[in-house]
């Protein structure tokens, strides 16, 4: 099968990069499975396992797609998609809050994500764990961590800090943010229990995750998936988060605890050593790997190549969220 993967970004990812990390692992696995993969991505991109075509910013995305492929996999919905006369799917990685109809060949990234748009079409994200360092699941760990774009208030780094401050001795490392955030307002967190690592990637990020007792992830929105969750689990870190979006699907009682109350999460993190690091690691490796994701996407590709839509009707958000953030106490 000849597959074109399209995303409006640069690959490979250097630091955070959620969608970029996912499509990189997907492309590698598809090639290993015997398929021919081409990426249509932004200038500056490269890959040693697939052909890369750089986007022409002066042309529409759809007009740059030739008929050389069996299926096209978009990772956003481009303008003019109705003009494309070949099989395609569209993976939606984020949330929208309007009731505009989506394409019938839309794929979401969790069951909850799909259900909120009246769909059952989803594929869980998976990662290429061979690109991560082997975790030390027996080492002594000194702190908890937050992982995500701390400037994005739905990720609720302030809530993670509150959880730690309600404990007597626990500490927090914020991966993905800085202490002084002039864009979102100055964050004056002078507690010696909290430190900021900034936007980290590669070995530095892996080492920080491997030193953590657990992920504190009190998001205030319906998280579509949450790569931070599976990356943390891979390093043996249980997850302490809110029961929103995909979290109840991904975080079962053997690998974490969910509540929208900071007091309850603060109490739960004190029992972090009750979770088996080996179980957290094995769960991430077995359930959220790039091979499993690639096989699931191949089924989607085959359906659209047979002329079958992925949704019986165009997905549309069932309920517009009127509150800015979901409840957090």
Foldseek 3Di string as FASTA:
>chain_A
DEEEEEDAAADDDDFDDDVNQQVLLLVVLCVVVPYAYEYEYAPPHDDPRHHYHHDDPVDFPLVPDDPPGQEYEYAADTPPPVVHDHHYAYEDQDDDQFFDFADLRYEFAACLLQVLQVARHYFHGFGACVQADQADQPDAAAAAEEADQVLPCLQPPVLVVLLQVPDDGHAYEYANDQQQDVVNHHRPDPDPRYYYDHGGRDPVVRVVLSRHLAYEGAGFAQRRHDPVQLSSLLSLHAYEYAPHHCCVVLHDPLRYYHHLESVVSSVVSVVSVVHRSVVSNVSSPPPRHSNSRNVSVVVSSVCVSVVHGNHPGGGTRPHRDPDPTHDHD
